[in-house]
Amino acid sequence: MSQFGNLPVEAVADAVEKHVAKMDEAELAALLLGALATMPRDAVGALVSAVFDAFRERGESSEDAAEGANASLASLEAGDPHAVDALIGYARDNTGLLKEAMTIYAQDHTALMHALPKPFVDGIAQRL
């Protein structure tokens, strides 16, 4: 079980939002890219979903985001490592989007927070 499992979703999301606010976008992207290979499949799927949700909140469809990342929607939904790398890179280039995606991830996938990069998880835990 996640170390965040006993906490209200709102508290975890707030801690994530505060933590990522102080992070550089490139640093956040590098953390995520470095952890993708070891993240469980469901956590990668949750990350892709959160990135798509953040793009949709900005008026861009999942298909548009996939196209912007030069990846197929099917490969992203399947968690293809190269496609997910490309999506994170595209998200990084859209100011604030990865930060928004991480807050969405915390709200929608709190049980999978432990699967994110350890330095990220540790930073959030320090805020709680």
N, C-alpha and C. Protein backbone atom coordinates (compact mmCIF):
# COMPACT_ATOMS: atom_id res chain seq x y z
N MET A 1 0.84 -1.19 0.00
CA MET A 1 0.00 0.00 0.00
C MET A 1 0.88 1.24 0.00
N SER A 2 0.36 2.26 -0.60
CA SER A 2 1.05 3.54 -0.71
C SER A 2 1.20 4.20 0.65
N GLN A 3 2.31 4.90 0.85
CA GLN A 3 2.49 5.63 2.09
C GLN A 3 1.50 6.78 2.20
N PHE A 4 0.82 7.11 1.11
CA PHE A 4 -0.15 8.19 1.10
C PHE A 4 -1.58 7.68 1.23
N GLY A 5 -1.74 6.37 1.33
CA GLY A 5 -3.06 5.75 1.34
C GLY A 5 -3.98 6.17 2.46
N ASN A 6 -3.45 6.55 3.59
CA ASN A 6 -4.29 6.93 4.72
C ASN A 6 -4.59 8.42 4.77
N LEU A 7 -4.08 9.15 3.82
CA LEU A 7 -4.26 10.60 3.81
C LEU A 7 -5.37 10.99 2.85
N PRO A 8 -6.06 12.09 3.13
CA PRO A 8 -7.08 12.55 2.19
C PRO A 8 -6.45 12.91 0.84
N VAL A 9 -7.14 12.58 -0.23
CA VAL A 9 -6.66 12.86 -1.58
C VAL A 9 -6.31 14.33 -1.72
N GLU A 10 -7.14 15.20 -1.15
CA GLU A 10 -6.91 16.64 -1.26
C GLU A 10 -5.58 17.05 -0.64
N ALA A 11 -5.22 16.43 0.48
CA ALA A 11 -3.96 16.75 1.15
C ALA A 11 -2.77 16.32 0.30
N VAL A 12 -2.88 15.15 -0.31
CA VAL A 12 -1.79 14.65 -1.16
C VAL A 12 -1.66 15.54 -2.40
N ALA A 13 -2.78 15.86 -3.02
CA ALA A 13 -2.76 16.71 -4.21
C ALA A 13 -2.19 18.09 -3.88
N ASP A 14 -2.55 18.63 -2.74
CA ASP A 14 -2.03 19.94 -2.33
C ASP A 14 -0.51 19.86 -2.12
N ALA A 15 -0.05 18.79 -1.50
CA ALA A 15 1.40 18.63 -1.29
C ALA A 15 2.13 18.49 -2.62
N VAL A 16 1.54 17.77 -3.56
CA VAL A 16 2.15 17.63 -4.89
C VAL A 16 2.20 18.99 -5.57
N GLU A 17 1.10 19.71 -5.53
CA GLU A 17 1.05 21.03 -6.17
C GLU A 17 2.11 21.96 -5.61
N LYS A 18 2.27 21.97 -4.29
CA LYS A 18 3.29 22.82 -3.67
C LYS A 18 4.70 22.35 -4.00
N HIS A 19 4.88 21.04 -4.06
CA HIS A 19 6.21 20.49 -4.36
C HIS A 19 6.62 20.81 -5.79
N VAL A 20 5.73 20.59 -6.74
CA VAL A 20 6.09 20.83 -8.14
C VAL A 20 6.20 22.31 -8.46
N ALA A 21 5.54 23.16 -7.67
CA ALA A 21 5.62 24.60 -7.92
C ALA A 21 7.06 25.09 -7.79
N LYS A 22 7.84 24.43 -6.96
CA LYS A 22 9.23 24.84 -6.73
C LYS A 22 10.21 24.12 -7.66
N MET A 23 9.69 23.20 -8.47
CA MET A 23 10.57 22.43 -9.36
C MET A 23 10.68 23.09 -10.72
N ASP A 24 11.82 22.90 -11.33
CA ASP A 24 12.04 23.30 -12.71
C ASP A 24 11.37 22.24 -13.60
N GLU A 25 10.74 22.68 -14.69
CA GLU A 25 10.05 21.75 -15.59
C GLU A 25 11.00 20.68 -16.13
N ALA A 26 12.19 21.10 -16.49
CA ALA A 26 13.17 20.15 -17.03
C ALA A 26 13.56 19.12 -15.97
N GLU A 27 13.68 19.57 -14.72
CA GLU A 27 14.02 18.65 -13.62
C GLU A 27 12.91 17.63 -13.42
N LEU A 28 11.66 18.09 -13.43
CA LEU A 28 10.52 17.19 -13.27
C LEU A 28 10.48 16.18 -14.41
N ALA A 29 10.65 16.66 -15.64
CA ALA A 29 10.65 15.76 -16.80
C ALA A 29 11.78 14.74 -16.69
N ALA A 30 12.96 15.18 -16.29
CA ALA A 30 14.10 14.27 -16.16
C ALA A 30 13.84 13.20 -15.11
N LEU A 31 13.23 13.59 -14.00
CA LEU A 31 12.88 12.61 -12.96
C LEU A 31 11.93 11.55 -13.51
N LEU A 32 10.90 12.01 -14.20
CA LEU A 32 9.91 11.08 -14.74
C LEU A 32 10.52 10.19 -15.81
N LEU A 33 11.28 10.78 -16.72
CA LEU A 33 11.90 10.00 -17.79
C LEU A 33 12.86 8.96 -17.23
N GLY A 34 13.58 9.33 -16.18
CA GLY A 34 14.53 8.41 -15.58
C GLY A 34 13.87 7.25 -14.85
N ALA A 35 12.62 7.42 -14.47
CA ALA A 35 11.92 6.39 -13.70
C ALA A 35 11.00 5.51 -14.54
N LEU A 36 10.72 5.93 -15.76
CA LEU A 36 9.73 5.19 -16.58
C LEU A 36 10.04 3.71 -16.71
N ALA A 37 11.28 3.37 -16.90
CA ALA A 37 11.65 1.97 -17.14
C ALA A 37 11.35 1.07 -15.95
N THR A 38 11.31 1.65 -14.75
CA THR A 38 11.08 0.83 -13.56
C THR A 38 9.68 1.01 -12.98
N MET A 39 8.90 1.91 -13.56
CA MET A 39 7.54 2.12 -13.06
C MET A 39 6.63 0.97 -13.49
N PRO A 40 5.74 0.55 -12.61
CA PRO A 40 4.77 -0.48 -13.00
C PRO A 40 3.89 0.02 -14.15
N ARG A 41 3.41 -0.90 -14.94
CA ARG A 41 2.60 -0.59 -16.11
C ARG A 41 1.39 0.29 -15.76
N ASP A 42 0.72 -0.03 -14.65
CA ASP A 42 -0.46 0.76 -14.28
C ASP A 42 -0.08 2.20 -13.91
N ALA A 43 1.08 2.39 -13.34
CA ALA A 43 1.53 3.74 -12.99
C ALA A 43 1.89 4.53 -14.25
N VAL A 44 2.49 3.87 -15.23
CA VAL A 44 2.79 4.54 -16.50
C VAL A 44 1.48 4.93 -17.18
N GLY A 45 0.52 4.03 -17.16
CA GLY A 45 -0.80 4.33 -17.73
C GLY A 45 -1.46 5.50 -17.03
N ALA A 46 -1.33 5.54 -15.72
CA ALA A 46 -1.89 6.65 -14.94
C ALA A 46 -1.19 7.97 -15.28
N LEU A 47 0.11 7.91 -15.50
CA LEU A 47 0.86 9.11 -15.86
C LEU A 47 0.42 9.62 -17.23
N VAL A 48 0.29 8.72 -18.19
CA VAL A 48 -0.18 9.11 -19.52
C VAL A 48 -1.57 9.72 -19.42
N SER A 49 -2.43 9.10 -18.66
CA SER A 49 -3.79 9.60 -18.47
C SER A 49 -3.79 11.00 -17.86
N ALA A 50 -2.95 11.21 -16.86
CA ALA A 50 -2.87 12.52 -16.20
C ALA A 50 -2.34 13.59 -17.16
N VAL A 51 -1.37 13.23 -17.98
CA VAL A 51 -0.84 14.18 -18.97
C VAL A 51 -1.93 14.52 -19.99
N PHE A 52 -2.64 13.50 -20.46
CA PHE A 52 -3.75 13.76 -21.38
C PHE A 52 -4.80 14.66 -20.74
N ASP A 53 -5.13 14.40 -19.48
CA ASP A 53 -6.12 15.24 -18.78
C ASP A 53 -5.65 16.69 -18.70
N ALA A 54 -4.37 16.88 -18.42
CA ALA A 54 -3.83 18.24 -18.35
C ALA A 54 -3.91 18.93 -19.71
N PHE A 55 -3.61 18.19 -20.77
CA PHE A 55 -3.75 18.77 -22.11
C PHE A 55 -5.20 19.10 -22.41
N ARG A 56 -6.11 18.21 -22.03
CA ARG A 56 -7.54 18.47 -22.28
C ARG A 56 -8.02 19.70 -21.53
N GLU A 57 -7.52 19.91 -20.31
CA GLU A 57 -7.90 21.10 -19.56
C GLU A 57 -7.45 22.37 -20.27
N ARG A 58 -6.48 22.25 -21.15
CA ARG A 58 -6.00 23.39 -21.93
C ARG A 58 -6.63 23.43 -23.33
N GLY A 59 -7.59 22.54 -23.56
CA GLY A 59 -8.29 22.55 -24.82
C GLY A 59 -7.68 21.71 -25.92
N GLU A 60 -6.71 20.87 -25.58
CA GLU A 60 -6.06 20.02 -26.57
C GLU A 60 -6.48 18.57 -26.32
N SER A 61 -6.96 17.90 -27.34
CA SER A 61 -7.41 16.52 -27.19
C SER A 61 -6.22 15.57 -27.00
N SER A 62 -6.54 14.37 -26.57
CA SER A 62 -5.50 13.34 -26.44
C SER A 62 -4.85 13.07 -27.79
N GLU A 63 -5.66 13.07 -28.84
CA GLU A 63 -5.13 12.84 -30.18
C GLU A 63 -4.17 13.96 -30.58
N ASP A 64 -4.53 15.21 -30.25
CA ASP A 64 -3.66 16.34 -30.54
C ASP A 64 -2.35 16.23 -29.77
N ALA A 65 -2.45 15.83 -28.50
CA ALA A 65 -1.24 15.69 -27.68
C ALA A 65 -0.34 14.59 -28.24
N ALA A 66 -0.95 13.48 -28.64
CA ALA A 66 -0.17 12.39 -29.23
C ALA A 66 0.52 12.86 -30.50
N GLU A 67 -0.22 13.59 -31.33
CA GLU A 67 0.35 14.10 -32.57
C GLU A 67 1.50 15.07 -32.28
N GLY A 68 1.31 15.94 -31.28
CA GLY A 68 2.35 16.88 -30.90
C GLY A 68 3.61 16.19 -30.42
N ALA A 69 3.42 15.02 -29.83
CA ALA A 69 4.56 14.22 -29.33
C ALA A 69 5.14 13.32 -30.41
N ASN A 70 4.54 13.36 -31.61
CA ASN A 70 4.96 12.47 -32.70
C ASN A 70 4.87 11.01 -32.31
N ALA A 71 3.76 10.67 -31.64
CA ALA A 71 3.52 9.30 -31.21
C ALA A 71 2.07 8.95 -31.52
N SER A 72 1.80 7.69 -31.68
CA SER A 72 0.41 7.30 -31.93
C SER A 72 -0.33 7.21 -30.60
N LEU A 73 -1.60 7.50 -30.66
CA LEU A 73 -2.43 7.40 -29.46
C LEU A 73 -2.42 5.97 -28.93
N ALA A 74 -2.49 5.01 -29.82
CA ALA A 74 -2.49 3.60 -29.41
C ALA A 74 -1.20 3.23 -28.68
N SER A 75 -0.06 3.71 -29.17
CA SER A 75 1.21 3.37 -28.50
C SER A 75 1.30 4.03 -27.13
N LEU A 76 0.74 5.22 -27.00
CA LEU A 76 0.74 5.89 -25.70
C LEU A 76 -0.18 5.16 -24.73
N GLU A 77 -1.35 4.79 -25.20
CA GLU A 77 -2.29 4.07 -24.34
C GLU A 77 -1.76 2.70 -23.94
N ALA A 78 -0.90 2.11 -24.79
CA ALA A 78 -0.28 0.82 -24.48
C ALA A 78 0.94 0.96 -23.58
N GLY A 79 1.37 2.20 -23.33
CA GLY A 79 2.52 2.43 -22.47
C GLY A 79 3.86 2.19 -23.14
N ASP A 80 3.90 2.27 -24.47
CA ASP A 80 5.17 2.09 -25.19
C ASP A 80 6.19 3.09 -24.65
N PRO A 81 7.34 2.61 -24.19
CA PRO A 81 8.33 3.50 -23.56
C PRO A 81 8.78 4.68 -24.43
N HIS A 82 8.99 4.44 -25.72
CA HIS A 82 9.43 5.52 -26.60
C HIS A 82 8.34 6.57 -26.77
N ALA A 83 7.11 6.11 -26.88
CA ALA A 83 5.98 7.03 -27.04
C ALA A 83 5.78 7.85 -25.77
N VAL A 84 5.87 7.20 -24.61
CA VAL A 84 5.69 7.91 -23.34
C VAL A 84 6.83 8.92 -23.14
N ASP A 85 8.04 8.54 -23.49
CA ASP A 85 9.16 9.50 -23.45
C ASP A 85 8.84 10.73 -24.27
N ALA A 86 8.33 10.50 -25.48
CA ALA A 86 8.01 11.60 -26.38
C ALA A 86 6.90 12.48 -25.80
N LEU A 87 5.88 11.86 -25.18
CA LEU A 87 4.78 12.62 -24.59
C LEU A 87 5.28 13.48 -23.44
N ILE A 88 6.14 12.94 -22.61
CA ILE A 88 6.68 13.72 -21.49
C ILE A 88 7.52 14.88 -22.03
N GLY A 89 8.29 14.63 -23.07
CA GLY A 89 9.06 15.70 -23.69
C GLY A 89 8.17 16.80 -24.25
N TYR A 90 7.09 16.40 -24.90
CA TYR A 90 6.14 17.38 -25.44
C TYR A 90 5.46 18.15 -24.31
N ALA A 91 5.10 17.44 -23.26
CA ALA A 91 4.47 18.09 -22.10
C ALA A 91 5.44 19.08 -21.45
N ARG A 92 6.70 18.71 -21.35
CA ARG A 92 7.73 19.59 -20.76
C ARG A 92 7.81 20.90 -21.52
N ASP A 93 7.63 20.83 -22.84
CA ASP A 93 7.74 22.02 -23.68
C ASP A 93 6.51 22.93 -23.59
N ASN A 94 5.48 22.48 -22.90
CA ASN A 94 4.26 23.27 -22.68
C ASN A 94 4.28 23.73 -21.22
N THR A 95 4.70 24.95 -21.01
CA THR A 95 4.94 25.48 -19.67
C THR A 95 3.83 25.15 -18.68
N GLY A 96 4.23 24.54 -17.60
CA GLY A 96 3.32 24.24 -16.49
C GLY A 96 2.51 22.97 -16.66
N LEU A 97 2.53 22.37 -17.84
CA LEU A 97 1.66 21.23 -18.08
C LEU A 97 2.05 20.01 -17.25
N LEU A 98 3.32 19.69 -17.18
CA LEU A 98 3.73 18.53 -16.37
C LEU A 98 3.38 18.73 -14.90
N LYS A 99 3.51 19.95 -14.44
CA LYS A 99 3.16 20.25 -13.05
C LYS A 99 1.66 20.02 -12.83
N GLU A 100 0.86 20.47 -13.77
CA GLU A 100 -0.58 20.24 -13.68
C GLU A 100 -0.89 18.75 -13.73
N ALA A 101 -0.19 18.03 -14.60
CA ALA A 101 -0.40 16.59 -14.74
C ALA A 101 -0.08 15.86 -13.44
N MET A 102 0.95 16.30 -12.74
CA MET A 102 1.31 15.62 -11.49
C MET A 102 0.25 15.84 -10.41
N THR A 103 -0.36 17.02 -10.40
CA THR A 103 -1.45 17.26 -9.46
C THR A 103 -2.65 16.39 -9.81
N ILE A 104 -2.95 16.27 -11.09
CA ILE A 104 -4.04 15.40 -11.53
C ILE A 104 -3.74 13.95 -11.15
N TYR A 105 -2.50 13.53 -11.37
CA TYR A 105 -2.08 12.18 -11.00
C TYR A 105 -2.36 11.94 -9.51
N ALA A 106 -1.99 12.90 -8.68
CA ALA A 106 -2.20 12.76 -7.23
C ALA A 106 -3.68 12.67 -6.89
N GLN A 107 -4.50 13.44 -7.58
CA GLN A 107 -5.95 13.42 -7.31
C GLN A 107 -6.60 12.13 -7.77
N ASP A 108 -6.22 11.67 -8.95
CA ASP A 108 -6.90 10.53 -9.56
C ASP A 108 -6.24 9.18 -9.29
N HIS A 109 -4.98 9.19 -8.90
CA HIS A 109 -4.24 7.93 -8.75
C HIS A 109 -3.39 7.93 -7.47
N THR A 110 -3.97 8.39 -6.39
CA THR A 110 -3.24 8.49 -5.12
C THR A 110 -2.61 7.16 -4.72
N ALA A 111 -3.30 6.06 -4.98
CA ALA A 111 -2.78 4.74 -4.61
C ALA A 111 -1.51 4.38 -5.38
N LEU A 112 -1.23 5.09 -6.47
CA LEU A 112 -0.04 4.80 -7.27
C LEU A 112 1.09 5.82 -7.06
N MET A 113 0.92 6.71 -6.10
CA MET A 113 1.95 7.72 -5.85
C MET A 113 3.30 7.10 -5.55
N HIS A 114 3.30 5.97 -4.85
CA HIS A 114 4.55 5.31 -4.48
C HIS A 114 5.37 4.86 -5.70
N ALA A 115 4.73 4.75 -6.87
CA ALA A 115 5.41 4.28 -8.07
C ALA A 115 6.16 5.40 -8.80
N LEU A 116 5.98 6.61 -8.36
CA LEU A 116 6.70 7.74 -8.96
C LEU A 116 8.15 7.75 -8.48
N PRO A 117 9.01 8.52 -9.12
CA PRO A 117 10.42 8.53 -8.71
C PRO A 117 10.61 8.83 -7.22
N LYS A 118 11.50 8.09 -6.59
CA LYS A 118 11.72 8.21 -5.14
C LYS A 118 12.00 9.65 -4.69
N PRO A 119 12.85 10.41 -5.37
CA PRO A 119 13.08 11.79 -4.91
C PRO A 119 11.80 12.63 -4.94
N PHE A 120 10.94 12.36 -5.91
CA PHE A 120 9.67 13.07 -6.00
C PHE A 120 8.77 12.68 -4.84
N VAL A 121 8.65 11.39 -4.60
CA VAL A 121 7.81 10.88 -3.50
C VAL A 121 8.32 11.39 -2.16
N ASP A 122 9.63 11.37 -1.97
CA ASP A 122 10.21 11.86 -0.72
C ASP A 122 9.92 13.34 -0.50
N GLY A 123 10.00 14.13 -1.56
CA GLY A 123 9.71 15.55 -1.47
C GLY A 123 8.27 15.82 -1.08
N ILE A 124 7.37 15.02 -1.61
CA ILE A 124 5.95 15.17 -1.27
C ILE A 124 5.73 14.75 0.18
N ALA A 125 6.32 13.65 0.57
CA ALA A 125 6.16 13.16 1.94
C ALA A 125 6.64 14.20 2.96
N GLN A 126 7.66 14.93 2.63
CA GLN A 126 8.18 15.96 3.55
C GLN A 126 7.18 17.11 3.72
N ARG A 127 6.31 17.30 2.75
CA ARG A 127 5.33 18.38 2.81
C ARG A 127 4.06 17.99 3.57
N LEU A 128 3.91 16.70 3.86
CA LEU A 128 2.71 16.24 4.54
C LEU A 128 2.88 16.16 6.04
